[in-house]
């Protein structure tokens, strides 16, 4: 599964986006959109059937091997928005000579996939969306406040770190711009502690997905997430725009026990999008399960050439 080609693409604004391609060079084009935002996936190369797909992977602005890295306080977050990422995808598609591609996105990657497809539906062959979120104000309010009803003591610690329970995400976004690395490190660790708490009731997957040492990658992740979600993902009403997706076949796979991204968003999107088929996996949360992986594999086979 090593890349057969890779490089960095100058997308403007001083940004260089890392990309790679794996699988069959003559296979069906597909692009993997990682989550976070700001969390390139180690499993991206295994997301689709490498014998049938030409899998394009890229690291979104500010993270992974793309530069400048968001862990550097000098990196300009003003040129890191969903509109910028959509434009980067178009530059990459044209650079690789691809006319249409399948979009495969999980979590934040599903938001980016839907936003891209609504902007460029003629460039999308099919979509596979995992752990669906549309980054609406309602969803963000749930993840960083509403779900605190299940974890009141963890919420008290999370909000106390910024001293502003009225807009915790914005307060953390401000902290992540502090020039003092120690301040950014501590804020990143508290943020990750909360993210792991929300996922802590799940039966499968790594128990502490985010927690650990405040590495450059973790600092970049939290800075990017807080920056995006303080502005509602830099997207409009994607559910309201679902009609723009008409004619694009899609498979949606979502865990019924997903506390971070409740299943009602995936359900509403599937109802508003006649060409989408939703599979709800009863034993799965955000981190998946064996049955969840099987549902994804079924979706991949459905769209395999």
Protein backbone atom coordinates (compact mmCIF):
# COMPACT_ATOMS: atom_id res chain seq x y z
CA UNK A 1 0.00 0.00 0.00
CA UNK A 2 2.93 2.35 -0.48
CA UNK A 3 2.18 5.35 -2.73
CA UNK A 4 3.12 4.99 -6.35
CA UNK A 5 3.22 8.78 -6.64
CA UNK A 6 3.31 11.69 -4.24
CA UNK A 7 4.22 15.34 -4.05
CA UNK A 8 3.32 18.76 -2.71
CA UNK A 9 1.02 21.14 -4.54
CA UNK A 10 1.32 24.91 -4.27
CA UNK A 11 -2.27 26.00 -3.62
CA UNK A 12 -1.52 29.65 -2.95
CA UNK A 13 -1.55 31.77 0.20
CA UNK A 14 1.89 30.35 1.02
CA UNK A 15 0.40 26.84 1.48
CA UNK A 16 1.89 23.62 0.15
CA UNK A 17 -0.51 20.66 0.29
CA UNK A 18 0.93 17.15 0.54
CA UNK A 19 -0.72 14.49 -1.64
CA UNK A 20 -0.16 10.85 -2.58
CA UNK A 21 -1.81 8.21 -4.74
CA UNK A 22 -2.06 4.51 -3.94
CA UNK A 23 -3.73 1.53 -5.56
CA UNK A 24 -4.20 0.98 -9.29
CA UNK A 25 -3.01 3.93 -11.44
CA UNK A 26 -5.67 2.92 -13.98
CA UNK A 27 -8.37 2.30 -11.41
CA UNK A 28 -11.48 4.26 -10.59
CA UNK A 29 -10.48 7.65 -9.13
CA UNK A 30 -11.44 8.26 -5.50
CA UNK A 31 -10.34 10.89 -3.01
CA UNK A 32 -10.06 10.26 0.73
CA UNK A 33 -11.11 13.20 2.91
CA UNK A 34 -9.73 12.90 6.42
CA UNK A 35 -11.43 13.96 9.60
CA UNK A 36 -10.60 16.41 12.32
CA UNK A 37 -10.43 18.84 10.65
CA UNK A 38 -6.69 18.51 11.01
CA UNK A 39 -6.32 14.74 11.50
CA UNK A 40 -4.80 12.87 8.54
CA UNK A 41 -5.77 9.22 8.88
CA UNK A 42 -3.24 6.39 9.07
CA UNK A 43 -5.90 4.12 7.61
CA UNK A 44 -6.52 6.22 4.51
CA UNK A 45 -4.50 3.92 2.26
CA UNK A 46 -6.72 0.98 3.26
CA UNK A 47 -10.02 2.81 2.87
CA UNK A 48 -10.84 1.38 -0.57
CA UNK A 49 -9.94 -1.64 -2.67
CA UNK A 50 -6.41 -0.89 -3.90
CA UNK A 51 -6.79 -3.35 -6.76
CA UNK A 52 -9.74 -1.44 -8.21
CA UNK A 53 -9.34 2.19 -7.16
CA UNK A 54 -6.87 4.97 -7.78
CA UNK A 55 -6.93 6.39 -4.26
CA UNK A 56 -5.96 10.05 -3.85
CA UNK A 57 -5.01 11.13 -0.35
CA UNK A 58 -4.11 14.65 0.71
CA UNK A 59 -3.40 16.39 3.98
CA UNK A 60 -5.64 19.39 4.44
CA UNK A 61 -4.09 22.80 5.06
CA UNK A 62 -2.09 23.15 8.25
CA UNK A 63 -1.70 19.48 9.19
CA UNK A 64 0.22 16.32 8.45
CA UNK A 65 2.89 16.90 5.82
CA UNK A 66 1.29 20.06 4.46
CA UNK A 67 2.94 23.37 5.25
CA UNK A 68 2.92 25.73 7.01
CA UNK A 69 1.97 23.56 9.98
CA UNK A 70 -0.71 24.91 12.28
CA UNK A 71 1.43 24.09 15.33
CA UNK A 72 3.50 27.12 14.29
CA UNK A 73 1.73 30.20 15.71
CA UNK A 74 2.89 32.14 12.63
CA UNK A 75 0.75 29.95 10.33
CA UNK A 76 -2.11 32.13 9.07
CA UNK A 77 -5.44 30.50 9.93
CA UNK A 78 -7.26 33.20 7.99
CA UNK A 79 -6.48 31.27 4.81
CA UNK A 80 -7.65 27.94 6.22
CA UNK A 81 -11.40 27.61 5.64
CA UNK A 82 -13.73 25.15 3.93
CA UNK A 83 -13.74 27.32 0.81
CA UNK A 84 -9.95 27.06 0.70
CA UNK A 85 -10.08 23.27 1.09
CA UNK A 86 -12.63 22.94 -1.72
CA UNK A 87 -10.43 25.06 -3.98
CA UNK A 88 -7.43 22.89 -3.01
CA UNK A 89 -9.36 19.77 -4.01
CA UNK A 90 -10.12 21.27 -7.40
CA UNK A 91 -6.48 22.21 -7.96
CA UNK A 92 -5.42 18.70 -7.01
CA UNK A 93 -8.03 17.05 -9.22
CA UNK A 94 -6.89 19.12 -12.18
CA UNK A 95 -3.22 18.51 -11.35
CA UNK A 96 -3.82 14.75 -11.43
CA UNK A 97 -5.90 14.89 -14.62
CA UNK A 98 -9.03 13.46 -13.02
CA UNK A 99 -12.43 14.32 -14.51
CA UNK A 100 -14.65 12.83 -11.80
CA UNK A 101 -13.90 11.05 -8.56
CA UNK A 102 -15.65 9.20 -5.78
CA UNK A 103 -15.63 11.09 -2.49
CA UNK A 104 -14.86 9.04 0.63
CA UNK A 105 -15.08 11.04 3.85
CA UNK A 106 -15.49 10.32 7.53
CA UNK A 107 -16.57 12.63 10.35
CA UNK A 108 -15.35 16.12 9.36
CA UNK A 109 -14.45 14.55 6.02
CA UNK A 110 -18.17 13.95 5.43
CA UNK A 111 -18.82 17.68 5.91
CA UNK A 112 -16.10 18.55 3.43
CA UNK A 113 -17.39 15.94 0.97
CA UNK A 114 -20.95 17.31 1.05
CA UNK A 115 -19.74 20.91 0.79
CA UNK A 116 -17.53 20.03 -2.19
CA UNK A 117 -20.26 18.02 -3.91
CA UNK A 118 -22.77 20.83 -3.55
CA UNK A 119 -20.25 23.20 -5.14
CA UNK A 120 -19.01 20.82 -7.87
CA UNK A 121 -21.61 18.06 -8.39
CA UNK A 122 -20.40 17.47 -11.95
CA UNK A 123 -17.05 16.31 -10.56
CA UNK A 124 -18.47 13.63 -8.25
CA UNK A 125 -19.22 10.07 -9.36
CA UNK A 126 -20.39 8.64 -6.01
CA UNK A 127 -19.96 9.29 -2.30
CA UNK A 128 -19.23 7.12 0.73
CA UNK A 129 -19.78 9.03 3.98
CA UNK A 130 -18.80 7.58 7.36
CA UNK A 131 -19.85 8.90 10.81
CA UNK A 132 -21.81 11.68 9.14
CA UNK A 133 -21.72 15.26 10.37
CA UNK A 134 -22.60 18.46 8.55
CA UNK A 135 -20.96 20.76 11.14
CA UNK A 136 -24.16 22.70 11.73
CA UNK A 137 -24.45 25.05 14.74
CA UNK A 138 -26.83 22.51 16.31
CA UNK A 139 -24.29 19.69 16.00
CA UNK A 140 -21.38 21.77 17.27
CA UNK A 141 -23.43 22.99 20.22
CA UNK A 142 -24.23 19.36 21.06
CA UNK A 143 -20.63 18.17 20.89
CA UNK A 144 -19.15 20.97 22.97
CA UNK A 145 -22.03 21.64 25.36
CA UNK A 146 -25.22 19.59 24.99
CA UNK A 147 -23.58 16.21 25.52
CA UNK A 148 -22.21 17.55 28.83
CA UNK A 149 -25.48 16.31 30.37
CA UNK A 150 -23.87 12.85 30.27
CA UNK A 151 -20.46 14.03 31.52
CA UNK A 152 -21.05 16.92 33.93
CA UNK A 153 -17.78 16.62 35.84
CA UNK A 154 -15.72 16.44 32.63
CA UNK A 155 -17.63 19.43 31.25
CA UNK A 156 -16.91 21.41 34.42
CA UNK A 157 -13.18 20.86 33.91
CA UNK A 158 -13.31 21.49 30.15
CA UNK A 159 -15.16 24.79 30.48
CA UNK A 160 -13.32 25.94 33.60
CA UNK A 161 -10.03 25.89 31.69
CA UNK A 162 -11.22 28.80 29.57
CA UNK A 163 -13.54 30.34 32.15
CA UNK A 164 -16.26 30.94 29.56
CA UNK A 165 -19.05 28.38 29.41
CA UNK A 166 -21.08 30.56 27.04
CA UNK A 167 -18.80 29.96 24.03
CA UNK A 168 -16.25 27.34 24.93
CA UNK A 169 -15.18 26.66 21.35
CA UNK A 170 -14.42 30.30 20.62
CA UNK A 171 -12.54 30.60 23.92
CA UNK A 172 -10.36 27.59 23.09
CA UNK A 173 -9.78 28.93 19.57
CA UNK A 174 -8.48 32.14 21.14
CA UNK A 175 -6.20 30.19 23.50
CA UNK A 176 -4.76 28.22 20.59
CA UNK A 177 -3.57 31.52 19.08
CA UNK A 178 -1.52 32.35 22.19
CA UNK A 179 2.18 32.81 21.33
CA UNK A 180 3.17 30.90 24.49
CA UNK A 181 3.54 27.23 23.53
CA UNK A 182 2.87 26.10 27.12
CA UNK A 183 -0.52 27.78 26.98
CA UNK A 184 -1.35 26.11 23.68
CA UNK A 185 -0.14 22.72 24.92
CA UNK A 186 -2.32 22.80 28.03
CA UNK A 187 -5.36 23.96 26.08
CA UNK A 188 -4.81 21.19 23.52
CA UNK A 189 -4.57 18.54 26.25
CA UNK A 190 -7.78 19.74 27.94
CA UNK A 191 -9.58 19.77 24.58
CA UNK A 192 -8.43 16.24 23.79
CA UNK A 193 -9.44 15.04 27.24
CA UNK A 194 -12.99 16.25 26.49
CA UNK A 195 -13.07 14.66 23.03
CA UNK A 196 -12.00 11.31 24.52
CA UNK A 197 -14.59 11.59 27.28
CA UNK A 198 -17.39 11.99 24.74
CA UNK A 199 -16.26 8.76 23.06
CA UNK A 200 -15.53 6.92 26.30
CA UNK A 201 -18.75 4.87 26.44
CA UNK A 202 -18.02 3.07 23.16
CA UNK A 203 -17.22 -0.64 23.20
CA UNK A 204 -14.76 -0.73 20.32
CA UNK A 205 -11.66 1.14 19.21
CA UNK A 206 -8.74 2.75 20.99
CA UNK A 207 -9.83 4.04 24.44
CA UNK A 208 -7.96 7.35 24.19
CA UNK A 209 -8.05 8.47 20.58
CA UNK A 210 -6.84 12.01 21.17
CA UNK A 211 -5.14 12.10 24.58
CA UNK A 212 -1.43 11.94 25.17
CA UNK A 213 1.54 14.21 24.77
CA UNK A 214 0.86 17.63 23.27
CA UNK A 215 2.89 16.99 20.12
CA UNK A 216 3.01 19.39 17.19
CA UNK A 217 0.36 17.29 15.46
CA UNK A 218 -1.97 17.46 18.47
CA UNK A 219 -1.49 21.22 18.81
CA UNK A 220 -2.23 21.66 15.11
CA UNK A 221 -5.29 19.41 15.35
CA UNK A 222 -6.85 21.34 18.20
CA UNK A 223 -5.98 24.72 16.71
CA UNK A 224 -7.61 23.76 13.40
CA UNK A 225 -10.71 22.15 14.96
CA UNK A 226 -11.36 25.08 17.28
CA UNK A 227 -10.77 27.55 14.44
CA UNK A 228 -13.28 25.77 12.19
CA UNK A 229 -15.95 25.03 14.75
CA UNK A 230 -15.84 28.52 16.25
CA UNK A 231 -17.16 29.53 12.81
CA UNK A 232 -19.55 26.61 12.32
CA UNK A 233 -17.22 24.78 9.97
CA UNK A 234 -17.21 27.69 7.52
CA UNK A 235 -20.23 26.10 5.82
CA UNK A 236 -23.79 27.20 5.16
CA UNK A 237 -26.84 25.01 5.70
CA UNK A 238 -25.60 21.83 4.02
CA UNK A 239 -28.74 19.89 4.92
CA UNK A 240 -30.86 22.60 3.33
CA UNK A 241 -28.73 22.32 0.21
CA UNK A 242 -29.13 18.54 -0.10
CA UNK A 243 -31.15 19.01 -3.30
CA UNK A 244 -27.92 19.96 -5.06
CA UNK A 245 -26.75 16.37 -4.56
CA UNK A 246 -29.55 14.90 -6.69
CA UNK A 247 -28.21 12.30 -9.09
CA UNK A 248 -25.11 11.46 -7.02
CA UNK A 249 -25.39 7.91 -5.61
CA UNK A 250 -24.21 7.66 -2.00
CA UNK A 251 -23.77 5.21 0.85
CA UNK A 252 -23.94 6.60 4.39
CA UNK A 253 -22.68 4.47 7.28
CA UNK A 254 -23.30 5.67 10.82
CA UNK A 255 -23.08 4.21 14.32
CA UNK A 256 -26.29 4.41 16.32
CA UNK A 257 -24.25 4.84 19.53
CA UNK A 258 -22.21 7.77 18.22
CA UNK A 259 -22.33 10.33 21.06
CA UNK A 260 -20.21 12.88 19.23
CA UNK A 261 -22.23 12.90 16.00
CA UNK A 262 -25.80 11.76 16.80
CA UNK A 263 -27.50 9.70 14.11
CA UNK A 264 -30.29 12.17 13.45
CA UNK A 265 -28.08 14.18 11.08
CA UNK A 266 -27.28 11.15 8.93
CA UNK A 267 -30.96 10.19 8.95
CA UNK A 268 -32.10 13.67 7.93
CA UNK A 269 -29.52 13.86 5.16
CA UNK A 270 -30.56 10.48 3.75
CA UNK A 271 -34.23 11.56 3.76
CA UNK A 272 -33.40 14.78 1.92
CA UNK A 273 -31.19 13.01 -0.64
CA UNK A 274 -33.10 10.36 -2.63
CA UNK A 275 -29.90 8.88 -4.08
CA UNK A 276 -28.41 8.21 -0.62
CA UNK A 277 -28.76 4.94 1.27
CA UNK A 278 -28.18 5.01 5.04
CA UNK A 279 -26.94 2.06 7.08
CA UNK A 280 -27.24 2.51 10.85
CA UNK A 281 -25.03 0.09 12.77
CA UNK A 282 -26.55 -0.70 16.15
CA UNK A 283 -23.42 -1.72 18.07
CA UNK A 284 -21.18 1.06 16.79
CA UNK A 285 -20.24 4.52 17.93
CA UNK A 286 -17.92 7.04 16.30
CA UNK A 287 -14.91 4.70 16.45
CA UNK A 288 -16.63 1.87 14.62
CA UNK A 289 -16.96 -1.86 15.23
CA UNK A 290 -16.54 -5.07 13.21
CA UNK A 291 -20.12 -4.69 11.91
CA UNK A 292 -19.36 -1.05 11.06
CA UNK A 293 -16.31 -2.07 8.99
CA UNK A 294 -18.42 -4.68 7.23
CA UNK A 295 -20.99 -2.03 6.30
CA UNK A 296 -18.23 0.16 4.87
CA UNK A 297 -16.84 -2.76 2.87
CA UNK A 298 -20.31 -3.39 1.48
CA UNK A 299 -20.51 0.24 0.37
CA UNK A 300 -17.08 0.04 -1.26
CA UNK A 301 -18.08 -3.12 -3.16
CA UNK A 302 -21.25 -1.39 -4.33
CA UNK A 303 -19.26 1.32 -6.05
CA UNK A 304 -16.31 -0.77 -7.18
CA UNK A 305 -15.74 -0.91 -10.95
